[in-house]
C-alpha atoms as a PDB file:
ATOM      1  CA  MET A   1      -3.241  32.801   8.546  1.00  0.00           C
ATOM      2  CA  THR A   2      -4.256  36.595   8.901  1.00  0.00           C
ATOM      3  CA  PRO A   3      -5.644  37.975   5.098  1.00  0.00           C
ATOM      4  CA  PRO A   4      -3.986  40.298   3.199  1.00  0.00           C
ATOM      5  CA  GLU A   5      -5.236  44.366   3.565  1.00  0.00           C
ATOM      6  CA  ILE A   6      -7.594  44.726   1.341  1.00  0.00           C
ATOM      7  CA  VAL A   7      -9.848  47.920   0.594  1.00  0.00           C
ATOM      8  CA  ASP A   8     -13.490  48.556  -0.849  1.00  0.00           C
ATOM      9  CA  SER A   9     -13.685  51.143  -2.896  1.00  0.00           C
ATOM     10  CA  HIS A  10     -17.184  51.010  -3.208  1.00  0.00           C
ATOM     11  CA  CYS A  11     -20.345  50.270  -1.279  1.00  0.00           C
ATOM     12  CA  HIS A  12     -23.278  51.585   0.016  1.00  0.00           C
ATOM     13  CA  LEU A  13     -23.632  51.121   3.824  1.00  0.00           C
ATOM     14  CA  ASP A  14     -26.774  52.807   4.398  1.00  0.00           C
ATOM     15  CA  PHE A  15     -28.617  50.888   1.987  1.00  0.00           C
ATOM     16  CA  PRO A  16     -31.868  49.169   4.060  1.00  0.00           C
ATOM     17  CA  GLN A  17     -30.271  45.375   3.018  1.00  0.00           C
ATOM     18  CA  LEU A  18     -26.598  46.261   4.923  1.00  0.00           C
ATOM     19  CA  ALA A  19     -28.236  48.671   7.171  1.00  0.00           C
ATOM     20  CA  GLU A  20     -30.041  46.110   9.336  1.00  0.00           C
ATOM     21  CA  ASP A  21     -27.018  44.173  10.552  1.00  0.00           C
ATOM     22  CA  LEU A  22     -24.192  46.728   9.798  1.00  0.00           C
ATOM     23  CA  ASP A  23     -22.069  45.938  13.050  1.00  0.00           C
ATOM     24  CA  ALA A  24     -22.055  42.320  12.057  1.00  0.00           C
ATOM     25  CA  VAL A  25     -21.021  43.488   8.330  1.00  0.00           C
ATOM     26  CA  ILE A  26     -18.578  45.509   9.212  1.00  0.00           C
ATOM     27  CA  ALA A  27     -17.057  42.809  11.453  1.00  0.00           C
ATOM     28  CA  ARG A  28     -17.014  40.270   8.628  1.00  0.00           C
ATOM     29  CA  ALA A  29     -15.734  42.386   6.896  1.00  0.00           C
ATOM     30  CA  LYS A  30     -12.143  43.005   8.882  1.00  0.00           C
ATOM     31  CA  GLY A  31     -12.246  39.627   9.780  1.00  0.00           C
ATOM     32  CA  ALA A  32     -11.745  39.008   5.700  1.00  0.00           C
ATOM     33  CA  GLY A  33      -9.025  41.243   5.710  1.00  0.00           C
ATOM     34  CA  VAL A  34     -11.255  44.539   3.934  1.00  0.00           C
ATOM     35  CA  THR A  35      -9.761  47.519   7.022  1.00  0.00           C
ATOM     36  CA  ARG A  36     -10.952  50.374   4.704  1.00  0.00           C
ATOM     37  CA  MET A  37     -14.330  51.022   2.983  1.00  0.00           C
ATOM     38  CA  VAL A  38     -15.713  53.846   0.824  1.00  0.00           C
ATOM     39  CA  THR A  39     -19.611  54.387   1.294  1.00  0.00           C
ATOM     40  CA  ILE A  40     -21.297  56.193  -1.154  1.00  0.00           C
ATOM     41  CA  CYS A  41     -23.976  58.608  -0.806  1.00  0.00           C
ATOM     42  CA  THR A  42     -26.351  58.339  -4.079  1.00  0.00           C
ATOM     43  CA  LYS A  43     -28.716  61.266  -2.942  1.00  0.00           C
ATOM     44  CA  LEU A  44     -27.394  63.937  -1.174  1.00  0.00           C
ATOM     45  CA  ARG A  45     -30.737  64.327   0.990  1.00  0.00           C
ATOM     46  CA  GLU A  46     -29.736  60.733   2.007  1.00  0.00           C
ATOM     47  CA  LEU A  47     -25.956  62.542   3.381  1.00  0.00           C
ATOM     48  CA  PRO A  48     -26.460  62.719   6.936  1.00  0.00           C
ATOM     49  CA  ASN A  49     -26.913  58.963   6.997  1.00  0.00           C
ATOM     50  CA  VAL A  50     -24.169  58.110   5.556  1.00  0.00           C
ATOM     51  CA  LYS A  51     -21.659  60.416   6.935  1.00  0.00           C
ATOM     52  CA  ALA A  52     -22.816  58.954  10.275  1.00  0.00           C
ATOM     53  CA  ILE A  53     -22.264  55.109   9.251  1.00  0.00           C
ATOM     54  CA  ALA A  54     -18.574  56.741   8.307  1.00  0.00           C
ATOM     55  CA  GLU A  55     -18.064  59.223  11.362  1.00  0.00           C
ATOM     56  CA  ALA A  56     -18.851  56.260  13.845  1.00  0.00           C
ATOM     57  CA  HIS A  57     -16.488  53.673  12.165  1.00  0.00           C
ATOM     58  CA  ASP A  58     -12.501  53.192  11.774  1.00  0.00           C
ATOM     59  CA  GLY A  59     -11.229  52.779   8.599  1.00  0.00           C
ATOM     60  CA  LEU A  60     -14.609  53.858   7.091  1.00  0.00           C
ATOM     61  CA  PHE A  61     -15.167  56.802   4.265  1.00  0.00           C
ATOM     62  CA  PHE A  62     -17.542  58.437   2.173  1.00  0.00           C
ATOM     63  CA  ALA A  63     -18.418  60.176  -0.720  1.00  0.00           C
ATOM     64  CA  ALA A  64     -21.190  62.277  -1.904  1.00  0.00           C
ATOM     65  CA  GLY A  65     -23.370  62.795  -5.183  1.00  0.00           C
ATOM     66  CA  THR A  66     -26.476  62.395  -7.220  1.00  0.00           C
ATOM     67  CA  HIS A  67     -26.597  59.201  -9.001  1.00  0.00           C
ATOM     68  CA  PRO A  68     -27.457  59.591 -12.794  1.00  0.00           C
ATOM     69  CA  MET A  69     -30.148  57.366 -12.277  1.00  0.00           C
ATOM     70  CA  SER A  70     -31.596  59.905  -9.642  1.00  0.00           C
ATOM     71  CA  VAL A  71     -30.909  63.185 -11.347  1.00  0.00           C
ATOM     72  CA  ALA A  72     -34.663  63.310 -12.887  1.00  0.00           C
ATOM     73  CA  THR A  73     -36.247  63.294  -8.808  1.00  0.00           C
ATOM     74  CA  GLU A  74     -33.908  64.785  -7.040  1.00  0.00           C
ATOM     75  CA  PRO A  75     -32.769  68.898  -7.323  1.00  0.00           C
ATOM     76  CA  MET A  76     -29.844  69.352  -9.445  1.00  0.00           C
ATOM     77  CA  VAL A  77     -26.604  69.187  -7.267  1.00  0.00           C
ATOM     78  CA  ARG A  78     -24.503  72.871  -6.884  1.00  0.00           C
ATOM     79  CA  VAL A  79     -20.881  72.891  -7.384  1.00  0.00           C
ATOM     80  CA  GLU A  80     -20.661  75.011  -3.990  1.00  0.00           C
ATOM     81  CA  GLU A  81     -22.559  72.535  -1.937  1.00  0.00           C
ATOM     82  CA  LEU A  82     -19.923  69.476  -2.952  1.00  0.00           C
ATOM     83  CA  ILE A  83     -17.047  71.604  -2.204  1.00  0.00           C
ATOM     84  CA  ALA A  84     -18.785  72.728   0.816  1.00  0.00           C
ATOM     85  CA  LEU A  85     -19.474  69.136   1.949  1.00  0.00           C
ATOM     86  CA  ALA A  86     -15.774  68.218   0.823  1.00  0.00           C
ATOM     87  CA  ALA A  87     -14.141  69.951   3.943  1.00  0.00           C
ATOM     88  CA  HIS A  88     -15.467  66.928   5.883  1.00  0.00           C
ATOM     89  CA  PRO A  89     -12.417  64.697   6.661  1.00  0.00           C
ATOM     90  CA  LYS A  90     -13.895  61.675   5.930  1.00  0.00           C
ATOM     91  CA  MET A  91     -15.628  62.630   2.389  1.00  0.00           C
ATOM     92  CA  VAL A  92     -12.793  61.419   0.125  1.00  0.00           C
ATOM     93  CA  GLY A  93     -14.717  61.404  -3.512  1.00  0.00           C
ATOM     94  CA  ILE A  94     -17.407  63.289  -5.208  1.00  0.00           C
ATOM     95  CA  GLY A  95     -20.131  61.053  -6.554  1.00  0.00           C
ATOM     96  CA  GLU A  96     -21.005  58.653  -7.433  1.00  0.00           C
ATOM     97  CA  SER A  97     -22.415  60.549 -11.108  1.00  0.00           C
ATOM     98  CA  GLY A  98     -22.223  59.870 -14.532  1.00  0.00           C
ATOM     99  CA  LEU A  99     -24.447  58.372 -17.139  1.00  0.00           C
ATOM    100  CA  ASP A 100     -27.067  55.653 -17.109  1.00  0.00           C
ATOM    101  CA  TYR A 101     -28.877  55.287 -20.422  1.00  0.00           C
ATOM    102  CA  HIS A 102     -30.297  51.773 -19.536  1.00  0.00           C
ATOM    103  CA  TYR A 103     -33.483  52.867 -17.790  1.00  0.00           C
ATOM    104  CA  THR A 104     -33.270  56.354 -17.511  1.00  0.00           C
ATOM    105  CA  ALA A 105     -32.246  57.493 -21.149  1.00  0.00           C
ATOM    106  CA  ASP A 106     -34.906  60.156 -20.814  1.00  0.00           C
ATOM    107  CA  SER A 107     -33.139  62.105 -18.537  1.00  0.00           C
ATOM    108  CA  LYS A 108     -29.846  61.937 -20.691  1.00  0.00           C
ATOM    109  CA  ASP A 109     -29.818  66.156 -20.664  1.00  0.00           C
ATOM    110  CA  MET A 110     -30.077  66.374 -17.225  1.00  0.00           C
ATOM    111  CA  GLN A 111     -27.584  63.580 -16.305  1.00  0.00           C
ATOM    112  CA  GLN A 112     -25.139  64.850 -18.784  1.00  0.00           C
ATOM    113  CA  GLU A 113     -25.489  68.842 -16.575  1.00  0.00           C
ATOM    114  CA  SER A 114     -24.871  66.829 -13.509  1.00  0.00           C
ATOM    115  CA  LEU A 115     -22.306  65.088 -14.315  1.00  0.00           C
ATOM    116  CA  ARG A 116     -20.368  68.011 -15.402  1.00  0.00           C
ATOM    117  CA  LEU A 117     -21.492  69.559 -12.177  1.00  0.00           C
ATOM    118  CA  HIS A 118     -19.585  66.659 -10.350  1.00  0.00           C
ATOM    119  CA  ILE A 119     -16.341  67.221 -12.718  1.00  0.00           C
ATOM    120  CA  GLU A 120     -15.919  70.548 -11.724  1.00  0.00           C
ATOM    121  CA  ALA A 121     -16.395  69.787  -8.059  1.00  0.00           C
ATOM    122  CA  ALA A 122     -14.119  67.052  -8.604  1.00  0.00           C
ATOM    123  CA  ARG A 123     -11.678  69.644 -10.116  1.00  0.00           C
ATOM    124  CA  GLN A 124     -12.154  71.665  -7.719  1.00  0.00           C
ATOM    125  CA  THR A 125     -11.647  69.967  -4.630  1.00  0.00           C
ATOM    126  CA  GLY A 126      -8.786  67.331  -5.884  1.00  0.00           C
ATOM    127  CA  LEU A 127     -10.965  64.503  -4.796  1.00  0.00           C
ATOM    128  CA  PRO A 128     -11.923  61.775  -7.668  1.00  0.00           C
ATOM    129  CA  LEU A 129     -14.743  61.684  -9.326  1.00  0.00           C
ATOM    130  CA  ILE A 130     -16.370  58.329  -8.764  1.00  0.00           C
ATOM    131  CA  ILE A 131     -18.155  57.585 -12.456  1.00  0.00           C
ATOM    132  CA  HIS A 132     -21.183  55.035 -13.156  1.00  0.00           C
ATOM    133  CA  ALA A 133     -21.574  54.444 -16.736  1.00  0.00           C
ATOM    134  CA  ARG A 134     -24.064  52.229 -18.573  1.00  0.00           C
ATOM    135  CA  ASP A 135     -24.989  51.748 -21.724  1.00  0.00           C
ATOM    136  CA  ALA A 136     -23.940  55.174 -22.665  1.00  0.00           C
ATOM    137  CA  ASP A 137     -19.694  54.682 -23.451  1.00  0.00           C
ATOM    138  CA  ASP A 138     -19.554  57.293 -26.613  1.00  0.00           C
ATOM    139  CA  ASP A 139     -21.466  60.254 -24.731  1.00  0.00           C
ATOM    140  CA  MET A 140     -19.054  59.253 -21.489  1.00  0.00           C
ATOM    141  CA  ALA A 141     -15.836  59.074 -23.165  1.00  0.00           C
ATOM    142  CA  ARG A 142     -16.882  62.432 -25.326  1.00  0.00           C
ATOM    143  CA  ILE A 143     -17.598  64.574 -21.639  1.00  0.00           C
ATOM    144  CA  LEU A 144     -14.766  62.798 -19.995  1.00  0.00           C
ATOM    145  CA  THR A 145     -12.559  63.852 -22.375  1.00  0.00           C
ATOM    146  CA  GLU A 146     -14.065  67.592 -23.123  1.00  0.00           C
ATOM    147  CA  GLU A 147     -13.748  68.263 -19.660  1.00  0.00           C
ATOM    148  CA  TYR A 148     -10.146  67.105 -18.947  1.00  0.00           C
ATOM    149  CA  LEU A 149      -8.962  69.593 -21.630  1.00  0.00           C
ATOM    150  CA  VAL A 150     -10.318  72.242 -19.950  1.00  0.00           C
ATOM    151  CA  GLY A 151      -8.975  71.134 -16.815  1.00  0.00           C
ATOM    152  CA  SER A 152      -7.437  67.980 -14.978  1.00  0.00           C
ATOM    153  CA  TYR A 153      -9.192  65.913 -12.512  1.00  0.00           C
ATOM    154  CA  SER A 154      -8.802  62.251 -11.204  1.00  0.00           C
ATOM    155  CA  CYS A 155     -11.223  59.580 -11.777  1.00  0.00           C
ATOM    156  CA  VAL A 156     -12.416  55.947 -11.165  1.00  0.00           C
ATOM    157  CA  MET A 157     -14.746  53.908 -13.659  1.00  0.00           C
ATOM    158  CA  HIS A 158     -16.501  52.498 -10.548  1.00  0.00           C
ATOM    159  CA  CYS A 159     -17.419  48.618 -11.306  1.00  0.00           C
ATOM    160  CA  PHE A 160     -16.491  48.700 -14.785  1.00  0.00           C
ATOM    161  CA  SER A 161     -18.248  46.707 -17.206  1.00  0.00           C
ATOM    162  CA  SER A 162     -18.598  49.016 -19.929  1.00  0.00           C
ATOM    163  CA  GLY A 163     -16.541  48.347 -23.512  1.00  0.00           C
ATOM    164  CA  ALA A 164     -12.816  48.139 -23.996  1.00  0.00           C
ATOM    165  CA  GLU A 165     -12.861  51.839 -25.974  1.00  0.00           C
ATOM    166  CA  LEU A 166     -14.277  53.513 -23.119  1.00  0.00           C
ATOM    167  CA  ALA A 167     -11.482  51.803 -20.818  1.00  0.00           C
ATOM    168  CA  ARG A 168      -8.981  52.831 -23.289  1.00  0.00           C
ATOM    169  CA  ALA A 169     -10.144  56.314 -22.597  1.00  0.00           C
ATOM    170  CA  ALA A 170     -10.530  56.696 -19.443  1.00  0.00           C
ATOM    171  CA  LEU A 171      -6.523  55.157 -18.675  1.00  0.00           C
ATOM    172  CA  GLU A 172      -5.739  57.415 -21.588  1.00  0.00           C
ATOM    173  CA  LEU A 173      -6.639  60.039 -18.869  1.00  0.00           C
ATOM    174  CA  GLY A 174      -4.974  58.654 -16.149  1.00  0.00           C
ATOM    175  CA  PHE A 175      -8.028  57.131 -14.526  1.00  0.00           C
ATOM    176  CA  TYR A 176      -8.452  53.997 -12.681  1.00  0.00           C
ATOM    177  CA  LEU A 177     -10.498  51.035 -13.188  1.00  0.00           C
ATOM    178  CA  SER A 178     -12.208  49.058 -10.034  1.00  0.00           C
ATOM    179  CA  MET A 179     -13.136  45.899 -10.570  1.00  0.00           C
ATOM    180  CA  SER A 180     -16.171  44.701  -9.014  1.00  0.00           C
ATOM    181  CA  GLY A 181     -17.921  40.590  -8.506  1.00  0.00           C
ATOM    182  CA  ILE A 182     -19.321  41.463 -12.263  1.00  0.00           C
ATOM    183  CA  ALA A 183     -15.241  40.267 -12.811  1.00  0.00           C
ATOM    184  CA  ALA A 184     -16.015  37.253 -11.275  1.00  0.00           C
ATOM    185  CA  PHE A 185     -18.885  35.907 -13.198  1.00  0.00           C
ATOM    186  CA  PRO A 186     -18.609  33.252 -15.329  1.00  0.00           C
ATOM    187  CA  LYS A 187     -19.783  34.769 -18.874  1.00  0.00           C
ATOM    188  CA  SER A 188     -17.352  37.874 -18.204  1.00  0.00           C
ATOM    189  CA  GLU A 189     -14.273  36.579 -19.911  1.00  0.00           C
ATOM    190  CA  ALA A 190     -14.186  39.677 -22.169  1.00  0.00           C
ATOM    191  CA  LEU A 191     -14.565  41.979 -19.232  1.00  0.00           C
ATOM    192  CA  ARG A 192     -11.720  40.005 -17.675  1.00  0.00           C
ATOM    193  CA  ASP A 193      -9.291  41.087 -21.296  1.00  0.00           C
ATOM    194  CA  ILE A 194     -10.735  44.533 -20.597  1.00  0.00           C
ATOM    195  CA  PHE A 195      -8.491  44.137 -16.874  1.00  0.00           C
ATOM    196  CA  ARG A 196      -6.166  42.289 -17.986  1.00  0.00           C
ATOM    197  CA  ALA A 197      -5.123  44.831 -20.595  1.00  0.00           C
ATOM    198  CA  ALA A 198      -5.144  47.583 -18.544  1.00  0.00           C
ATOM    199  CA  PRO A 199      -2.126  48.753 -16.096  1.00  0.00           C
ATOM    200  CA  PRO A 200      -2.067  46.817 -12.614  1.00  0.00           C
ATOM    201  CA  GLU A 201      -1.272  50.091 -11.375  1.00  0.00           C
ATOM    202  CA  ARG A 202      -4.696  51.449 -12.508  1.00  0.00           C
ATOM    203  CA  ILE A 203      -6.821  49.100 -10.611  1.00  0.00           C
ATOM    204  CA  LEU A 204      -9.302  49.196  -7.515  1.00  0.00           C
ATOM    205  CA  LEU A 205     -11.436  46.806  -5.836  1.00  0.00           C
ATOM    206  CA  GLU A 206     -15.111  46.952  -4.698  1.00  0.00           C
ATOM    207  CA  THR A 207     -17.889  45.345  -4.261  1.00  0.00           C
ATOM    208  CA  ASP A 208     -20.670  47.585  -4.784  1.00  0.00           C
ATOM    209  CA  ALA A 209     -22.569  45.459  -1.981  1.00  0.00           C
ATOM    210  CA  PRO A 210     -25.387  44.688  -1.774  1.00  0.00           C
ATOM    211  CA  TYR A 211     -25.210  44.074  -5.237  1.00  0.00           C
ATOM    212  CA  LEU A 212     -23.268  42.263  -7.550  1.00  0.00           C
ATOM    213  CA  ALA A 213     -21.972  39.802  -5.156  1.00  0.00           C
ATOM    214  CA  PRO A 214     -19.447  37.311  -6.646  1.00  0.00           C
ATOM    215  CA  PRO A 215     -19.255  33.827  -7.022  1.00  0.00           C
ATOM    216  CA  PRO A 216     -19.739  31.673  -4.853  1.00  0.00           C
ATOM    217  CA  TYR A 217     -22.532  34.371  -3.702  1.00  0.00           C
ATOM    218  CA  ARG A 218     -23.936  35.063  -6.656  1.00  0.00           C
ATOM    219  CA  GLY A 219     -27.510  35.960  -6.567  1.00  0.00           C
ATOM    220  CA  LYS A 220     -27.188  36.683  -2.519  1.00  0.00           C
ATOM    221  CA  ARG A 221     -26.787  39.832  -0.572  1.00  0.00           C
ATOM    222  CA  ASN A 222     -23.299  41.052  -0.985  1.00  0.00           C
ATOM    223  CA  GLU A 223     -21.285  42.750   1.584  1.00  0.00           C
ATOM    224  CA  PRO A 224     -17.691  44.597   2.069  1.00  0.00           C
ATOM    225  CA  ALA A 225     -16.080  41.064   3.261  1.00  0.00           C
ATOM    226  CA  TYR A 226     -16.685  39.447   0.048  1.00  0.00           C
ATOM    227  CA  THR A 227     -14.079  41.769  -1.832  1.00  0.00           C
ATOM    228  CA  VAL A 228     -11.339  39.400  -1.237  1.00  0.00           C
ATOM    229  CA  HIS A 229     -13.275  36.789  -3.879  1.00  0.00           C
ATOM    230  CA  THR A 230     -12.743  39.530  -6.492  1.00  0.00           C
ATOM    231  CA  ALA A 231      -9.232  40.181  -5.398  1.00  0.00           C
ATOM    232  CA  GLU A 232      -8.607  36.390  -6.046  1.00  0.00           C
ATOM    233  CA  VAL A 233      -9.789  36.585  -9.828  1.00  0.00           C
ATOM    234  CA  GLY A 234      -7.822  40.006  -9.831  1.00  0.00           C
ATOM    235  CA  ALA A 235      -4.570  38.377  -8.797  1.00  0.00           C
ATOM    236  CA  THR A 236      -5.143  35.807 -11.571  1.00  0.00           C
ATOM    237  CA  LEU A 237      -5.438  37.813 -14.209  1.00  0.00           C
ATOM    238  CA  PHE A 238      -2.205  39.594 -13.042  1.00  0.00           C
ATOM    239  CA  GLY A 239      -0.391  36.592 -12.846  1.00  0.00           C
ATOM    240  CA  MET A 240       0.149  37.644  -8.671  1.00  0.00           C
ATOM    241  CA  GLU A 241      -0.396  36.023  -5.767  1.00  0.00           C
ATOM    242  CA  LEU A 242      -3.629  37.586  -3.869  1.00  0.00           C
ATOM    243  CA  ALA A 243      -1.243  39.365  -1.056  1.00  0.00           C
ATOM    244  CA  GLU A 244       0.847  41.127  -3.900  1.00  0.00           C
ATOM    245  CA  PHE A 245      -2.691  41.843  -5.700  1.00  0.00           C
ATOM    246  CA  ALA A 246      -4.041  43.294  -2.423  1.00  0.00           C
ATOM    247  CA  ALA A 247      -1.202  45.229  -1.933  1.00  0.00           C
ATOM    248  CA  LEU A 248      -1.248  46.828  -5.323  1.00  0.00           C
ATOM    249  CA  THR A 249      -5.116  47.628  -4.905  1.00  0.00           C
ATOM    250  CA  SER A 250      -4.636  49.166  -1.776  1.00  0.00           C
ATOM    251  CA  ALA A 251      -1.667  51.170  -2.580  1.00  0.00           C
ATOM    252  CA  ASN A 252      -3.415  52.495  -6.008  1.00  0.00           C
ATOM    253  CA  PHE A 253      -6.386  53.370  -3.715  1.00  0.00           C
ATOM    254  CA  ASP A 254      -3.647  55.283  -1.621  1.00  0.00           C
ATOM    255  CA  ARG A 255      -2.824  57.220  -4.569  1.00  0.00           C
ATOM    256  CA  LEU A 256      -6.111  57.986  -5.786  1.00  0.00           C
ATOM    257  CA  PHE A 257      -7.973  58.269  -2.504  1.00  0.00           C
ATOM    258  CA  TRP A 258      -5.486  60.321  -1.003  1.00  0.00           C
ATOM    259  CA  LYS A 259      -7.617  61.256   1.902  1.00  0.00           C
ATOM    260  CA  ALA A 260      -8.507  58.210   3.374  1.00  0.00           C
ATOM    261  CA  ALA A 261      -4.730  56.937   2.866  1.00  0.00           C
END
């Protein structure tokens, strides 16, 4: 039986864990029905490699930005630079950007500055902002809302694993929540409740590969082929068949990541 078509909206195919056998990783993904993937650049100096991966494969796209955990050690991003990069036909998103106070709270002021610059680039290009949020729910909700009042933009809360209040704030702004393998972990019932309460037309799927592999691969290297295991959990949450949920999340992806549609 042919598997349903699924999109992995966030992975890191340039990371060494995947790059060593990338052709096989992509082949396994396509065999599992994952026909499209967005590989994310987290440091702009690494963009040439990320871009080359997307250019070399059908169904692969890329996004570019500076990860919040790298803000203190990388040059501050410039809005004009991101706008120029967005002219590439396969660049479909801005980021990932955001706030991470778990390990890097000492750079919180720089992270907030970087986040606002990424938001401005998303606003000007019309490309969706890709947000990483960890242990920073209050500041994240405040900045996203403040900036939306300045001018609208589209956004996905990547690998969403924050609290219900941040989910509510993001959804009220018209943003999307992305479901990763964390949602399939046995102890993630509170997170599943947050997804269950969200509008299904605002849900995306992702792996964040090579990290956060869902069961039955938890603790091993994650790869885009495993998106289907998270999709199965999502389908159960929303009372859908797998094919229906795969089609819904693919349509959601097309609406948000319009350049990849």
